[in-house]
Protein backbone atom coordinates (compact mmCIF):
# COMPACT_ATOMS: atom_id res chain seq x y z
CA MET A 1 0.00 0.00 0.00
CA THR A 2 1.42 3.39 -0.97
CA THR A 3 1.60 6.26 1.50
CA ARG A 4 -1.25 8.00 -0.28
CA GLU A 5 -3.40 4.84 -0.07
CA LYS A 6 -2.55 4.48 3.65
CA ILE A 7 -3.71 8.05 4.25
CA ILE A 8 -6.99 7.47 2.39
CA TRP A 9 -7.61 4.14 4.13
CA GLY A 10 -6.74 5.56 7.57
CA PHE A 11 -8.97 8.58 7.20
CA ARG A 12 -11.84 6.41 6.06
CA LYS A 13 -11.45 4.23 9.17
CA LEU A 14 -11.46 7.31 11.41
CA ALA A 15 -14.50 8.73 9.61
CA GLU A 16 -16.40 5.46 10.04
CA GLU A 17 -16.13 5.97 13.81
CA LYS A 18 -16.44 9.75 14.10
CA GLY A 19 -17.69 11.09 10.79
CA PHE A 20 -15.64 13.19 8.38
CA TYR A 21 -16.15 16.41 10.30
CA TYR A 22 -14.91 15.15 13.67
CA ALA A 23 -12.02 13.01 12.41
CA THR A 24 -8.81 15.02 12.54
CA VAL A 25 -5.54 15.02 10.64
CA ASP A 26 -3.73 14.71 14.01
CA GLU A 27 -5.57 11.45 14.66
CA LEU A 28 -4.81 10.30 11.12
CA ALA A 29 -1.11 10.99 11.61
CA ALA A 30 -1.09 9.03 14.89
CA LEU A 31 -3.04 6.14 13.34
CA ASN A 32 -0.61 5.84 10.43
CA ASN A 33 2.56 6.56 12.46
CA MET A 34 3.45 9.49 10.25
CA SER A 35 3.75 13.21 10.65
CA LYS A 36 1.12 15.71 9.56
CA ARG A 37 3.82 17.10 7.29
CA THR A 38 3.94 13.77 5.43
CA ILE A 39 0.16 13.80 5.04
CA TYR A 40 0.23 17.35 3.68
CA ARG A 41 2.82 16.31 1.09
CA TYR A 42 0.10 14.20 -0.48
CA PHE A 43 -2.98 16.29 0.30
CA LYS A 44 -3.34 20.06 0.61
CA SER A 45 -6.19 19.88 3.12
CA LYS A 46 -8.50 17.64 5.12
CA GLU A 47 -11.19 18.32 2.49
CA GLU A 48 -8.90 16.94 -0.20
CA ILE A 49 -8.47 13.74 1.85
CA ILE A 50 -12.25 13.44 2.25
CA GLU A 51 -12.71 13.93 -1.48
CA ALA A 52 -10.12 11.20 -2.17
CA VAL A 53 -11.91 8.81 0.21
CA MET A 54 -15.25 9.38 -1.52
CA GLU A 55 -13.76 9.21 -5.03
CA LYS A 56 -12.19 5.85 -4.17
CA LEU A 57 -15.49 4.50 -2.83
CA LEU A 58 -17.43 5.70 -5.87
CA LYS A 59 -14.86 4.42 -8.38
CA GLU A 60 -14.73 0.98 -6.74
CA THR A 61 -18.52 0.78 -6.89
CA GLU A 62 -18.62 1.82 -10.53
CA VAL A 63 -15.96 -0.71 -11.56
CA GLU A 64 -17.72 -3.53 -9.71
CA VAL A 65 -21.16 -2.67 -11.16
CA PHE A 66 -20.01 -2.44 -14.77
CA ALA A 67 -17.83 -5.57 -14.54
CA ALA A 68 -20.83 -7.56 -13.31
CA LEU A 69 -23.37 -6.06 -15.73
CA ASP A 70 -21.15 -6.66 -18.76
CA LYS A 71 -21.58 -10.40 -18.16
CA LEU A 72 -25.40 -10.25 -18.25
CA ASP A 73 -27.86 -9.91 -21.12
CA ASN A 74 -31.27 -10.05 -19.45
CA PRO A 75 -32.38 -6.56 -18.25
CA ILE A 76 -34.08 -8.01 -15.16
CA ASP A 77 -30.86 -9.78 -14.20
CA LYS A 78 -28.97 -6.54 -14.80
CA MET A 79 -31.33 -4.52 -12.57
CA THR A 80 -31.21 -7.19 -9.86
CA MET A 81 -27.41 -7.29 -9.99
CA PHE A 82 -27.23 -3.49 -9.92
CA VAL A 83 -29.33 -3.37 -6.74
CA GLN A 84 -27.35 -6.22 -5.12
CA ILE A 85 -23.96 -4.67 -5.76
CA VAL A 86 -24.94 -1.15 -4.78
CA SER A 87 -26.63 -2.48 -1.62
CA GLN A 88 -23.49 -4.41 -0.68
CA ARG A 89 -21.34 -1.34 -1.26
CA LEU A 90 -23.71 0.80 0.79
CA ARG A 91 -23.23 -1.60 3.69
CA GLU A 92 -19.75 -0.07 3.96
CA LEU A 93 -21.18 3.44 4.26
CA THR A 94 -22.38 3.88 7.78
CA PRO A 95 -24.62 6.90 8.39
CA VAL A 96 -21.86 8.29 10.63
CA LEU A 97 -19.43 8.12 7.73
CA ILE A 98 -21.56 10.14 5.32
CA ARG A 99 -23.73 12.31 7.60
CA ASP A 100 -21.35 15.27 7.45
CA LEU A 101 -21.02 15.48 3.69
CA PRO A 102 -24.15 17.49 2.80
CA ILE A 103 -23.76 19.74 5.86
CA HIS A 104 -20.03 20.46 6.09
CA TYR A 105 -18.70 19.44 2.66
CA PRO A 106 -21.45 20.31 0.15
CA GLN A 107 -19.03 20.45 -2.80
CA ILE A 108 -18.07 16.81 -2.15
CA TRP A 109 -21.72 15.84 -1.60
CA ASP A 110 -22.52 17.43 -4.99
CA LYS A 111 -20.06 14.99 -6.59
CA VAL A 112 -21.76 12.08 -4.83
CA GLU A 113 -25.13 13.35 -6.08
CA GLN A 114 -23.81 13.61 -9.65
CA PHE A 115 -22.46 10.05 -9.42
CA ARG A 116 -25.84 8.80 -8.19
CA THR A 117 -27.66 10.70 -10.94
CA ASP A 118 -25.41 9.19 -13.62
CA LYS A 119 -25.89 5.65 -12.29
CA LEU A 120 -29.67 6.02 -11.97
CA ILE A 121 -29.83 7.30 -15.55
CA PHE A 122 -27.89 4.18 -16.53
CA LEU A 123 -30.45 2.06 -14.62
CA THR A 124 -33.22 3.84 -16.52
CA GLN A 125 -31.52 2.90 -19.79
CA ILE A 126 -31.64 -0.74 -18.68
CA MET A 127 -35.38 -0.27 -18.02
CA VAL A 128 -35.91 1.15 -21.51
CA GLU A 129 -34.01 -1.80 -22.96
CA GLY A 130 -36.16 -4.15 -20.86
CA SER A 131 -39.37 -2.57 -22.16
CA LYS A 132 -38.25 -2.90 -25.77
CA GLN A 133 -37.41 -6.57 -25.20
CA GLY A 134 -40.75 -7.24 -23.49
CA TYR A 135 -39.34 -7.90 -20.02
CA LEU A 136 -40.87 -4.79 -18.47
CA LYS A 137 -44.13 -2.89 -18.82
CA GLU A 138 -44.38 -0.07 -21.30
CA ILE A 139 -44.16 3.01 -19.07
CA ASN A 140 -43.04 6.58 -19.41
CA HIS A 141 -39.36 6.20 -18.57
CA THR A 142 -38.87 9.94 -18.22
CA VAL A 143 -41.38 9.94 -15.34
CA VAL A 144 -39.89 6.79 -13.79
CA SER A 145 -36.36 8.17 -14.05
CA ALA A 146 -37.30 11.54 -12.52
CA SER A 147 -39.34 9.85 -9.77
CA LEU A 148 -36.57 7.43 -8.90
CA LEU A 149 -33.95 10.17 -8.82
CA ALA A 150 -36.12 12.43 -6.64
CA THR A 151 -36.85 9.55 -4.26
CA VAL A 152 -33.20 8.56 -3.95
CA ARG A 153 -32.19 12.17 -3.28
CA ALA A 154 -34.90 12.61 -0.65
CA VAL A 155 -34.71 9.22 1.06
CA VAL A 156 -31.25 7.74 0.47
CA ASN A 157 -29.68 10.78 2.03
CA PRO A 158 -27.68 11.03 5.26
CA ILE A 159 -30.02 13.37 7.09
CA PHE A 160 -33.18 11.35 6.36
CA MET A 161 -31.43 8.09 7.25
CA MET A 162 -30.03 9.44 10.53
CA GLU A 163 -33.40 10.95 11.53
CA ASN A 164 -35.13 7.62 10.86
CA ASN A 165 -32.38 5.31 12.15
CA LEU A 166 -31.95 3.62 8.76
CA SER A 167 -28.85 2.13 7.19
CA PRO A 168 -27.92 3.21 3.65
CA GLU A 169 -28.19 -0.42 2.52
CA GLU A 170 -31.69 -0.94 3.96
CA THR A 171 -32.91 2.38 2.60
CA PHE A 172 -31.61 1.81 -0.93
CA LYS A 173 -32.94 -1.75 -1.08
CA THR A 174 -36.41 -0.60 0.02
CA VAL A 175 -36.52 2.22 -2.52
CA MET A 176 -35.34 0.01 -5.37
CA HIS A 177 -37.62 -2.89 -4.43
CA THR A 178 -40.58 -0.52 -4.37
CA PHE A 179 -39.72 0.93 -7.77
CA LEU A 180 -39.02 -2.39 -9.38
CA TYR A 181 -41.82 -4.48 -7.88
CA GLY A 182 -44.41 -2.03 -6.53
CA ILE A 183 -46.10 -2.14 -3.16
CA VAL A 184 -49.11 -4.37 -3.86
CA ALA A 185 -48.75 -7.84 -2.32
CA GLU A 186 -48.47 -10.64 -4.89
CA ASP A 187 -51.58 -12.43 -3.60
CA LYS A 188 -53.62 -9.22 -3.88
CA LYS A 189 -52.65 -8.29 -7.43
CA VAL A 190 -55.17 -10.64 -9.02
CA HIS A 191 -58.04 -9.12 -7.01
CA SER A 192 -57.15 -5.55 -7.92
CA GLN A 193 -56.88 -6.08 -11.70
């Protein structure tokens, strides 16, 4: 592991316990047995370290998702795999880890939001493909895409999750399950049609 990677890994571990805002560079230096001066050779500021932590998490998620989806043809399998991988990755993001981003580091949170937007647009493209192939209902994908994005922004967000004692994984799975399968119980669908 390079010194830069050690710094990123160490700060992430500290942030998992304390959050990004309360984790300090002094603690990071002690954790890694290095001086603050060494840390500042690689990063200009604490914010730059936080940004590197989040960029690493997002990039790892993206690589894993696309590697898995490239092996699948069926749009339903692709959507299921997308939800599984993102849910597993979200398990790593404790609410404590990400709670400070929208409040104290909005420029970094904006990058997370852009990443989520891009990936949800990609998921919508899979839905369009699924409709064309007959796997999914014919629906207005513009409405579905906008609804899904608005829901993720409102619900899969640190403040909402902390206020409602929800994990990112549980929240994302619930939102995606609702969008993909609806809320009507299977045994009741026949009676309502």
